[in-house]
Amino acid sequence: MRTRQVVVRREEPPRSSTNSSMTITSVRYGECQKNHAAGVGGYAVDGCREFMASGEEGTAAALTCAACGCYRNFHRREVEAEVVL
Protein backbone atom coordinates (compact mmCIF):
# COMPACT_ATOMS: atom_id res chain seq x y z
CA MET A 1 0.00 0.00 0.00
CA ARG A 2 1.39 3.38 -0.99
CA THR A 3 0.86 6.39 1.22
CA ARG A 4 1.26 10.00 0.22
CA GLN A 5 2.35 12.83 2.44
CA VAL A 6 0.49 16.04 1.74
CA VAL A 7 1.18 19.22 3.67
CA VAL A 8 -1.62 21.78 3.55
CA ARG A 9 -0.94 25.32 4.63
CA ARG A 10 -3.54 28.06 4.75
CA GLU A 11 -2.62 31.69 4.35
CA GLU A 12 -5.33 34.08 5.41
CA PRO A 13 -5.33 37.77 4.48
CA PRO A 14 -4.89 40.41 7.17
CA ARG A 15 -8.01 41.17 9.23
CA SER A 16 -8.20 44.75 7.90
CA SER A 17 -8.83 43.48 4.36
CA THR A 18 -12.38 43.61 3.00
CA ASN A 19 -11.83 40.60 0.71
CA SER A 20 -12.68 37.23 2.17
CA SER A 21 -10.30 35.15 0.07
CA MET A 22 -7.98 32.42 1.29
CA THR A 23 -5.04 30.70 -0.42
CA ILE A 24 -4.72 26.96 0.14
CA THR A 25 -1.31 25.54 -0.74
CA SER A 26 -0.68 21.81 -0.96
CA VAL A 27 2.82 20.35 -1.27
CA ARG A 28 3.57 16.88 -2.62
CA TYR A 29 6.98 15.25 -2.97
CA GLY A 30 7.56 13.26 -6.17
CA GLU A 31 10.45 11.19 -7.47
CA CYS A 32 13.90 11.11 -5.87
CA GLN A 33 16.52 13.38 -7.45
CA LYS A 34 19.48 12.26 -5.31
CA ASN A 35 22.63 11.28 -7.22
CA HIS A 36 23.61 8.03 -5.47
CA ALA A 37 26.80 7.57 -7.50
CA ALA A 38 28.36 11.00 -6.82
CA GLY A 39 30.94 9.45 -4.46
CA VAL A 40 32.50 7.45 -7.31
CA GLY A 41 32.22 10.18 -9.95
CA GLY A 42 29.16 8.86 -11.78
CA TYR A 43 25.49 9.67 -11.94
CA ALA A 44 22.69 7.27 -10.94
CA VAL A 45 19.34 7.72 -9.27
CA ASP A 46 17.68 4.87 -7.39
CA GLY A 47 14.33 4.96 -9.16
CA CYS A 48 12.19 5.88 -6.13
CA ARG A 49 9.05 7.29 -7.73
CA GLU A 50 7.41 9.01 -4.76
CA PHE A 51 8.26 10.09 -1.22
CA MET A 52 6.80 7.86 1.49
CA ALA A 53 7.37 8.93 5.09
CA SER A 54 9.11 6.38 7.33
CA GLY A 55 7.32 7.50 10.50
CA GLU A 56 4.43 9.43 11.96
CA GLU A 57 3.93 13.13 11.24
CA GLY A 58 5.84 15.32 13.69
CA THR A 59 8.71 12.86 14.24
CA ALA A 60 12.19 12.88 12.71
CA ALA A 61 11.35 9.69 10.79
CA ALA A 62 8.63 11.56 8.88
CA LEU A 63 11.39 13.37 6.95
CA THR A 64 13.07 10.14 5.76
CA CYS A 65 11.80 8.22 2.71
CA ALA A 66 10.78 4.63 3.46
CA ALA A 67 11.49 3.52 -0.12
CA CYS A 68 15.01 4.86 -0.71
CA GLY A 69 16.16 6.02 2.74
CA CYS A 70 17.09 9.56 1.73
CA TYR A 71 15.94 12.88 3.20
CA ARG A 72 12.68 14.47 1.94
CA ASN A 73 14.49 17.41 0.29
CA PHE A 74 16.02 15.10 -2.33
CA HIS A 75 12.54 14.47 -3.76
CA ARG A 76 11.03 16.79 -6.37
CA ARG A 77 8.65 19.22 -4.69
CA GLU A 78 5.29 19.92 -6.35
CA VAL A 79 3.32 22.90 -5.05
CA GLU A 80 -0.33 23.52 -5.87
CA ALA A 81 -1.96 26.77 -4.81
CA GLU A 82 -5.69 27.42 -4.83
CA VAL A 83 -7.39 30.73 -4.08
CA VAL A 84 -10.79 30.40 -2.45
CA LEU A 85 -13.05 33.46 -2.48
C-alpha atoms as a PDB file:
ATOM      1  CA  MET A   1       0.000   0.000   0.000  1.00  0.00           C
ATOM      2  CA  ARG A   2       1.391   3.382  -0.988  1.00  0.00           C
ATOM      3  CA  THR A   3       0.861   6.390   1.220  1.00  0.00           C
ATOM      4  CA  ARG A   4       1.261   9.996   0.224  1.00  0.00           C
ATOM      5  CA  GLN A   5       2.352  12.827   2.439  1.00  0.00           C
ATOM      6  CA  VAL A   6       0.487  16.044   1.744  1.00  0.00           C
ATOM      7  CA  VAL A   7       1.182  19.218   3.668  1.00  0.00           C
ATOM      8  CA  VAL A   8      -1.620  21.778   3.553  1.00  0.00           C
ATOM      9  CA  ARG A   9      -0.941  25.325   4.632  1.00  0.00           C
ATOM     10  CA  ARG A  10      -3.538  28.060   4.751  1.00  0.00           C
ATOM     11  CA  GLU A  11      -2.618  31.686   4.345  1.00  0.00           C
ATOM     12  CA  GLU A  12      -5.329  34.083   5.412  1.00  0.00           C
ATOM     13  CA  PRO A  13      -5.330  37.772   4.476  1.00  0.00           C
ATOM     14  CA  PRO A  14      -4.893  40.411   7.169  1.00  0.00           C
ATOM     15  CA  ARG A  15      -8.006  41.171   9.226  1.00  0.00           C
ATOM     16  CA  SER A  16      -8.204  44.748   7.900  1.00  0.00           C
ATOM     17  CA  SER A  17      -8.834  43.482   4.364  1.00  0.00           C
ATOM     18  CA  THR A  18     -12.382  43.606   3.000  1.00  0.00           C
ATOM     19  CA  ASN A  19     -11.834  40.595   0.708  1.00  0.00           C
ATOM     20  CA  SER A  20     -12.679  37.232   2.169  1.00  0.00           C
ATOM     21  CA  SER A  21     -10.298  35.148   0.065  1.00  0.00           C
ATOM     22  CA  MET A  22      -7.985  32.421   1.286  1.00  0.00           C
ATOM     23  CA  THR A  23      -5.037  30.699  -0.420  1.00  0.00           C
ATOM     24  CA  ILE A  24      -4.719  26.960   0.143  1.00  0.00           C
ATOM     25  CA  THR A  25      -1.315  25.542  -0.740  1.00  0.00           C
ATOM     26  CA  SER A  26      -0.682  21.806  -0.955  1.00  0.00           C
ATOM     27  CA  VAL A  27       2.817  20.347  -1.275  1.00  0.00           C
ATOM     28  CA  ARG A  28       3.565  16.875  -2.619  1.00  0.00           C
ATOM     29  CA  TYR A  29       6.978  15.248  -2.965  1.00  0.00           C
ATOM     30  CA  GLY A  30       7.561  13.265  -6.174  1.00  0.00           C
ATOM     31  CA  GLU A  31      10.454  11.189  -7.473  1.00  0.00           C
ATOM     32  CA  CYS A  32      13.896  11.114  -5.872  1.00  0.00           C
ATOM     33  CA  GLN A  33      16.523  13.381  -7.453  1.00  0.00           C
ATOM     34  CA  LYS A  34      19.485  12.264  -5.310  1.00  0.00           C
ATOM     35  CA  ASN A  35      22.630  11.275  -7.216  1.00  0.00           C
ATOM     36  CA  HIS A  36      23.606   8.033  -5.471  1.00  0.00           C
ATOM     37  CA  ALA A  37      26.803   7.573  -7.505  1.00  0.00           C
ATOM     38  CA  ALA A  38      28.357  10.998  -6.822  1.00  0.00           C
ATOM     39  CA  GLY A  39      30.938   9.455  -4.463  1.00  0.00           C
ATOM     40  CA  VAL A  40      32.500   7.452  -7.313  1.00  0.00           C
ATOM     41  CA  GLY A  41      32.224  10.182  -9.950  1.00  0.00           C
ATOM     42  CA  GLY A  42      29.159   8.856 -11.776  1.00  0.00           C
ATOM     43  CA  TYR A  43      25.487   9.666 -11.936  1.00  0.00           C
ATOM     44  CA  ALA A  44      22.693   7.274 -10.940  1.00  0.00           C
ATOM     45  CA  VAL A  45      19.337   7.720  -9.266  1.00  0.00           C
ATOM     46  CA  ASP A  46      17.684   4.874  -7.387  1.00  0.00           C
ATOM     47  CA  GLY A  47      14.329   4.959  -9.158  1.00  0.00           C
ATOM     48  CA  CYS A  48      12.193   5.875  -6.128  1.00  0.00           C
ATOM     49  CA  ARG A  49       9.049   7.289  -7.734  1.00  0.00           C
ATOM     50  CA  GLU A  50       7.408   9.011  -4.764  1.00  0.00           C
ATOM     51  CA  PHE A  51       8.262  10.087  -1.216  1.00  0.00           C
ATOM     52  CA  MET A  52       6.795   7.859   1.486  1.00  0.00           C
ATOM     53  CA  ALA A  53       7.373   8.930   5.092  1.00  0.00           C
ATOM     54  CA  SER A  54       9.107   6.379   7.332  1.00  0.00           C
ATOM     55  CA  GLY A  55       7.318   7.498  10.499  1.00  0.00           C
ATOM     56  CA  GLU A  56       4.435   9.430  11.960  1.00  0.00           C
ATOM     57  CA  GLU A  57       3.927  13.131  11.242  1.00  0.00           C
ATOM     58  CA  GLY A  58       5.837  15.325  13.686  1.00  0.00           C
ATOM     59  CA  THR A  59       8.707  12.862  14.237  1.00  0.00           C
ATOM     60  CA  ALA A  60      12.192  12.878  12.713  1.00  0.00           C
ATOM     61  CA  ALA A  61      11.353   9.691  10.794  1.00  0.00           C
ATOM     62  CA  ALA A  62       8.631  11.562   8.880  1.00  0.00           C
ATOM     63  CA  LEU A  63      11.394  13.373   6.949  1.00  0.00           C
ATOM     64  CA  THR A  64      13.066  10.137   5.756  1.00  0.00           C
ATOM     65  CA  CYS A  65      11.799   8.222   2.713  1.00  0.00           C
ATOM     66  CA  ALA A  66      10.776   4.625   3.461  1.00  0.00           C
ATOM     67  CA  ALA A  67      11.487   3.523  -0.124  1.00  0.00           C
ATOM     68  CA  CYS A  68      15.009   4.856  -0.714  1.00  0.00           C
ATOM     69  CA  GLY A  69      16.158   6.024   2.744  1.00  0.00           C
ATOM     70  CA  CYS A  70      17.091   9.562   1.730  1.00  0.00           C
ATOM     71  CA  TYR A  71      15.937  12.880   3.198  1.00  0.00           C
ATOM     72  CA  ARG A  72      12.684  14.465   1.936  1.00  0.00           C
ATOM     73  CA  ASN A  73      14.488  17.414   0.293  1.00  0.00           C
ATOM     74  CA  PHE A  74      16.021  15.095  -2.330  1.00  0.00           C
ATOM     75  CA  HIS A  75      12.542  14.473  -3.762  1.00  0.00           C
ATOM     76  CA  ARG A  76      11.034  16.786  -6.374  1.00  0.00           C
ATOM     77  CA  ARG A  77       8.650  19.218  -4.693  1.00  0.00           C
ATOM     78  CA  GLU A  78       5.290  19.924  -6.348  1.00  0.00           C
ATOM     79  CA  VAL A  79       3.322  22.903  -5.049  1.00  0.00           C
ATOM     80  CA  GLU A  80      -0.329  23.519  -5.874  1.00  0.00           C
ATOM     81  CA  ALA A  81      -1.963  26.772  -4.813  1.00  0.00           C
ATOM     82  CA  GLU A  82      -5.693  27.421  -4.829  1.00  0.00           C
ATOM     83  CA  VAL A  83      -7.388  30.727  -4.081  1.00  0.00           C
ATOM     84  CA  VAL A  84     -10.795  30.398  -2.448  1.00  0.00           C
ATOM     85  CA  LEU A  85     -13.045  33.462  -2.481  1.00  0.00           C
END
